[in-house]
N, C-alpha and C. Protein backbone atom coordinates (compact mmCIF):
# COMPACT_ATOMS: atom_id res chain seq x y z
N MET A 1 -12.19 10.48 30.71
CA MET A 1 -12.16 9.15 31.26
C MET A 1 -11.72 9.25 32.72
N GLU A 2 -12.38 8.52 33.59
CA GLU A 2 -12.04 8.50 35.01
C GLU A 2 -11.54 7.10 35.37
N VAL A 3 -10.64 7.03 36.34
CA VAL A 3 -10.02 5.76 36.71
C VAL A 3 -10.13 5.55 38.21
N SER A 4 -10.39 4.31 38.61
CA SER A 4 -10.33 3.95 40.03
C SER A 4 -9.74 2.55 40.12
N ARG A 5 -9.15 2.26 41.24
CA ARG A 5 -8.50 0.97 41.45
C ARG A 5 -9.39 0.09 42.34
N VAL A 6 -9.37 -1.21 42.09
CA VAL A 6 -10.15 -2.16 42.88
C VAL A 6 -9.25 -2.75 43.96
N SER A 7 -9.76 -2.78 45.20
CA SER A 7 -8.98 -3.33 46.33
C SER A 7 -9.04 -4.86 46.34
N LYS A 8 -8.28 -5.46 47.26
CA LYS A 8 -8.29 -6.91 47.43
C LYS A 8 -9.69 -7.43 47.70
N LYS A 9 -10.49 -6.64 48.39
CA LYS A 9 -11.85 -7.04 48.76
C LYS A 9 -12.87 -6.72 47.66
N GLY A 10 -12.41 -6.24 46.52
CA GLY A 10 -13.31 -5.92 45.42
C GLY A 10 -13.97 -4.56 45.53
N LEU A 11 -13.47 -3.72 46.42
CA LEU A 11 -14.06 -2.39 46.61
C LEU A 11 -13.37 -1.37 45.72
N THR A 12 -14.12 -0.37 45.31
CA THR A 12 -13.56 0.73 44.54
C THR A 12 -14.26 2.01 44.94
N THR A 13 -13.69 3.14 44.59
CA THR A 13 -14.29 4.44 44.86
C THR A 13 -14.81 5.00 43.55
N VAL A 14 -16.04 5.50 43.59
CA VAL A 14 -16.58 6.16 42.40
C VAL A 14 -15.90 7.53 42.33
N PRO A 15 -15.21 7.82 41.23
CA PRO A 15 -14.49 9.09 41.13
C PRO A 15 -15.42 10.30 41.32
N VAL A 16 -14.88 11.38 41.87
CA VAL A 16 -15.65 12.57 42.18
C VAL A 16 -16.40 13.09 40.96
N ARG A 17 -15.73 13.17 39.84
CA ARG A 17 -16.38 13.70 38.63
C ARG A 17 -17.58 12.84 38.22
N VAL A 18 -17.44 11.53 38.33
CA VAL A 18 -18.54 10.62 37.98
C VAL A 18 -19.69 10.82 38.96
N ARG A 19 -19.37 10.94 40.25
CA ARG A 19 -20.42 11.18 41.26
C ARG A 19 -21.18 12.47 40.96
N LYS A 20 -20.44 13.51 40.58
CA LYS A 20 -21.08 14.79 40.29
C LYS A 20 -21.96 14.71 39.05
N VAL A 21 -21.43 14.13 37.99
CA VAL A 21 -22.18 14.06 36.73
C VAL A 21 -23.44 13.21 36.89
N LEU A 22 -23.32 12.08 37.58
CA LEU A 22 -24.47 11.18 37.75
C LEU A 22 -25.31 11.52 38.97
N GLY A 23 -24.82 12.43 39.80
CA GLY A 23 -25.57 12.81 40.99
C GLY A 23 -25.58 11.72 42.05
N VAL A 24 -24.52 10.92 42.10
CA VAL A 24 -24.44 9.82 43.06
C VAL A 24 -24.17 10.39 44.45
N GLU A 25 -25.00 9.95 45.42
CA GLU A 25 -24.87 10.39 46.80
C GLU A 25 -24.89 9.18 47.73
N GLU A 26 -24.51 9.38 48.97
CA GLU A 26 -24.55 8.32 49.97
C GLU A 26 -25.97 7.75 50.06
N GLY A 27 -26.06 6.43 50.07
CA GLY A 27 -27.37 5.77 50.17
C GLY A 27 -27.96 5.39 48.83
N ASP A 28 -27.42 5.93 47.72
CA ASP A 28 -27.92 5.54 46.40
C ASP A 28 -27.52 4.10 46.12
N VAL A 29 -28.26 3.46 45.24
CA VAL A 29 -27.99 2.07 44.85
C VAL A 29 -27.44 2.09 43.43
N LEU A 30 -26.36 1.33 43.21
CA LEU A 30 -25.79 1.20 41.87
C LEU A 30 -26.15 -0.17 41.31
N ILE A 31 -26.69 -0.18 40.11
CA ILE A 31 -27.00 -1.43 39.42
C ILE A 31 -25.96 -1.61 38.32
N TRP A 32 -25.29 -2.75 38.35
CA TRP A 32 -24.23 -3.05 37.38
C TRP A 32 -24.77 -3.99 36.32
N GLU A 33 -24.75 -3.55 35.08
CA GLU A 33 -25.19 -4.36 33.95
C GLU A 33 -23.95 -4.73 33.15
N VAL A 34 -23.70 -6.02 32.98
CA VAL A 34 -22.47 -6.49 32.33
C VAL A 34 -22.74 -6.81 30.86
N ASP A 35 -21.87 -6.29 30.00
CA ASP A 35 -21.90 -6.61 28.57
C ASP A 35 -20.65 -7.46 28.31
N GLU A 36 -20.83 -8.77 28.36
CA GLU A 36 -19.69 -9.69 28.23
C GLU A 36 -19.03 -9.61 26.87
N LYS A 37 -19.79 -9.34 25.83
CA LYS A 37 -19.22 -9.27 24.48
C LYS A 37 -18.21 -8.14 24.36
N ARG A 38 -18.50 -7.01 25.02
CA ARG A 38 -17.60 -5.85 24.93
C ARG A 38 -16.69 -5.75 26.15
N ASN A 39 -16.80 -6.71 27.08
CA ASN A 39 -16.01 -6.68 28.31
C ASN A 39 -16.18 -5.32 29.01
N ALA A 40 -17.45 -4.94 29.17
CA ALA A 40 -17.77 -3.64 29.74
C ALA A 40 -18.95 -3.75 30.70
N ALA A 41 -19.14 -2.70 31.48
CA ALA A 41 -20.28 -2.64 32.40
C ALA A 41 -20.96 -1.29 32.28
N ILE A 42 -22.26 -1.30 32.44
CA ILE A 42 -23.05 -0.08 32.49
C ILE A 42 -23.54 0.04 33.93
N VAL A 43 -23.37 1.20 34.53
CA VAL A 43 -23.79 1.42 35.91
C VAL A 43 -24.97 2.37 35.91
N LYS A 44 -26.07 1.93 36.55
CA LYS A 44 -27.26 2.77 36.68
C LYS A 44 -27.38 3.20 38.13
N VAL A 45 -27.84 4.42 38.33
CA VAL A 45 -27.98 4.96 39.68
C VAL A 45 -29.46 4.99 40.06
N ILE A 46 -29.76 4.36 41.19
CA ILE A 46 -31.10 4.44 41.77
C ILE A 46 -30.97 5.32 43.00
N LYS A 47 -31.65 6.45 42.99
CA LYS A 47 -31.52 7.42 44.06
C LYS A 47 -32.02 6.85 45.39
N ASN A 48 -31.44 7.32 46.47
CA ASN A 48 -31.74 6.88 47.82
C ASN A 48 -33.23 7.06 48.12
N PRO A 49 -33.97 5.97 48.30
CA PRO A 49 -35.42 6.09 48.51
C PRO A 49 -35.78 6.79 49.82
N ILE A 50 -34.96 6.64 50.84
CA ILE A 50 -35.23 7.28 52.12
C ILE A 50 -35.16 8.80 51.97
N LYS A 51 -34.12 9.28 51.33
CA LYS A 51 -33.95 10.72 51.14
C LYS A 51 -35.09 11.29 50.30
N PHE A 52 -35.51 10.53 49.28
CA PHE A 52 -36.58 10.98 48.40
C PHE A 52 -37.91 11.12 49.16
N LEU A 53 -38.19 10.15 50.02
CA LEU A 53 -39.47 10.13 50.72
C LEU A 53 -39.49 10.96 52.00
N LYS A 54 -38.33 11.29 52.53
CA LYS A 54 -38.26 11.99 53.82
C LYS A 54 -39.09 13.28 53.78
N GLY A 55 -40.02 13.36 54.71
CA GLY A 55 -40.86 14.55 54.84
C GLY A 55 -42.02 14.61 53.86
N ARG A 56 -42.13 13.66 52.97
CA ARG A 56 -43.22 13.70 52.00
C ARG A 56 -44.50 13.06 52.52
N TYR A 57 -44.37 12.13 53.45
CA TYR A 57 -45.53 11.41 53.94
C TYR A 57 -45.56 11.43 55.46
N ASP A 58 -46.73 11.64 56.00
CA ASP A 58 -46.92 11.59 57.44
C ASP A 58 -47.59 10.25 57.75
N ASP A 59 -46.83 9.19 57.66
CA ASP A 59 -47.35 7.83 57.84
C ASP A 59 -46.48 7.11 58.86
N PRO A 60 -46.99 6.88 60.06
CA PRO A 60 -46.18 6.22 61.09
C PRO A 60 -45.78 4.79 60.73
N SER A 61 -46.49 4.17 59.80
CA SER A 61 -46.14 2.80 59.41
C SER A 61 -45.03 2.77 58.36
N LEU A 62 -44.64 3.94 57.87
CA LEU A 62 -43.59 4.02 56.85
C LEU A 62 -42.23 4.02 57.55
N THR A 63 -41.75 2.83 57.87
CA THR A 63 -40.48 2.68 58.58
C THR A 63 -39.35 2.52 57.57
N TYR A 64 -38.14 2.65 58.05
CA TYR A 64 -36.96 2.46 57.21
C TYR A 64 -36.99 1.07 56.56
N GLU A 65 -37.31 0.06 57.37
CA GLU A 65 -37.33 -1.31 56.86
C GLU A 65 -38.35 -1.47 55.74
N ARG A 66 -39.53 -0.84 55.91
CA ARG A 66 -40.58 -0.94 54.89
C ARG A 66 -40.13 -0.25 53.60
N VAL A 67 -39.51 0.91 53.73
CA VAL A 67 -39.04 1.62 52.53
C VAL A 67 -37.96 0.81 51.83
N GLU A 68 -37.04 0.22 52.60
CA GLU A 68 -36.00 -0.62 52.01
C GLU A 68 -36.62 -1.80 51.25
N GLU A 69 -37.63 -2.42 51.85
CA GLU A 69 -38.31 -3.55 51.21
C GLU A 69 -38.95 -3.11 49.89
N LEU A 70 -39.64 -1.98 49.91
CA LEU A 70 -40.26 -1.47 48.69
C LEU A 70 -39.21 -1.08 47.65
N ALA A 71 -38.12 -0.48 48.09
CA ALA A 71 -37.06 -0.10 47.16
C ALA A 71 -36.45 -1.33 46.50
N ASP A 72 -36.22 -2.38 47.29
CA ASP A 72 -35.67 -3.62 46.72
C ASP A 72 -36.59 -4.19 45.66
N LYS A 73 -37.90 -4.15 45.90
CA LYS A 73 -38.86 -4.64 44.92
C LYS A 73 -38.83 -3.81 43.65
N LEU A 74 -38.74 -2.47 43.80
CA LEU A 74 -38.67 -1.59 42.63
C LEU A 74 -37.41 -1.84 41.82
N ILE A 75 -36.29 -2.00 42.51
CA ILE A 75 -35.02 -2.25 41.83
C ILE A 75 -35.08 -3.58 41.09
N ALA A 76 -35.60 -4.61 41.74
CA ALA A 76 -35.71 -5.92 41.09
C ALA A 76 -36.60 -5.84 39.86
N ARG A 77 -37.68 -5.08 39.95
CA ARG A 77 -38.59 -4.93 38.81
C ARG A 77 -37.87 -4.22 37.66
N GLU A 78 -37.06 -3.19 37.96
CA GLU A 78 -36.33 -2.48 36.93
C GLU A 78 -35.30 -3.37 36.26
N VAL A 79 -34.61 -4.17 37.05
CA VAL A 79 -33.59 -5.08 36.51
C VAL A 79 -34.27 -6.09 35.59
N ARG A 80 -35.40 -6.66 36.01
CA ARG A 80 -36.13 -7.62 35.16
C ARG A 80 -36.60 -6.95 33.89
N ALA A 81 -37.06 -5.71 33.97
CA ALA A 81 -37.54 -4.99 32.79
C ALA A 81 -36.40 -4.78 31.80
N ASP A 82 -35.19 -4.51 32.30
CA ASP A 82 -34.05 -4.31 31.41
C ASP A 82 -33.64 -5.60 30.72
N ASN A 83 -33.93 -6.74 31.31
CA ASN A 83 -33.53 -8.02 30.72
C ASN A 83 -34.50 -8.53 29.68
N ARG A 84 -35.60 -7.83 29.44
CA ARG A 84 -36.59 -8.27 28.48
C ARG A 84 -36.18 -8.03 27.04
N ALA A 85 -35.25 -7.15 26.82
CA ALA A 85 -34.86 -6.75 25.46
C ALA A 85 -34.25 -7.83 24.69
C-alpha cells in the first residue's frame, strides 16, 4: 500500500512505486473513476500522446495543439465507453 497526502489546493504526489508500476511519466493523463459505493477511486493512465507520436510522423500540420485536441477526443471517448457498463 502506498500513501500520499493531499494539499490545501487538492494536489497530491503519485508515489514513486506507483509511478514505476504503472509507468506514469510527465505528460501522462490520469483518469479518475469514482466508486461511491466503496468510497474508492480507480486511476487509469493515458500515456503522453506527444511522446508517443514524436518522430513517428513527418507531418508539418501535426502541431502540439492538434495532438492535444485529438488526445482529448480519445480520452473523452474512452471515458464514455467505460460508462456504458
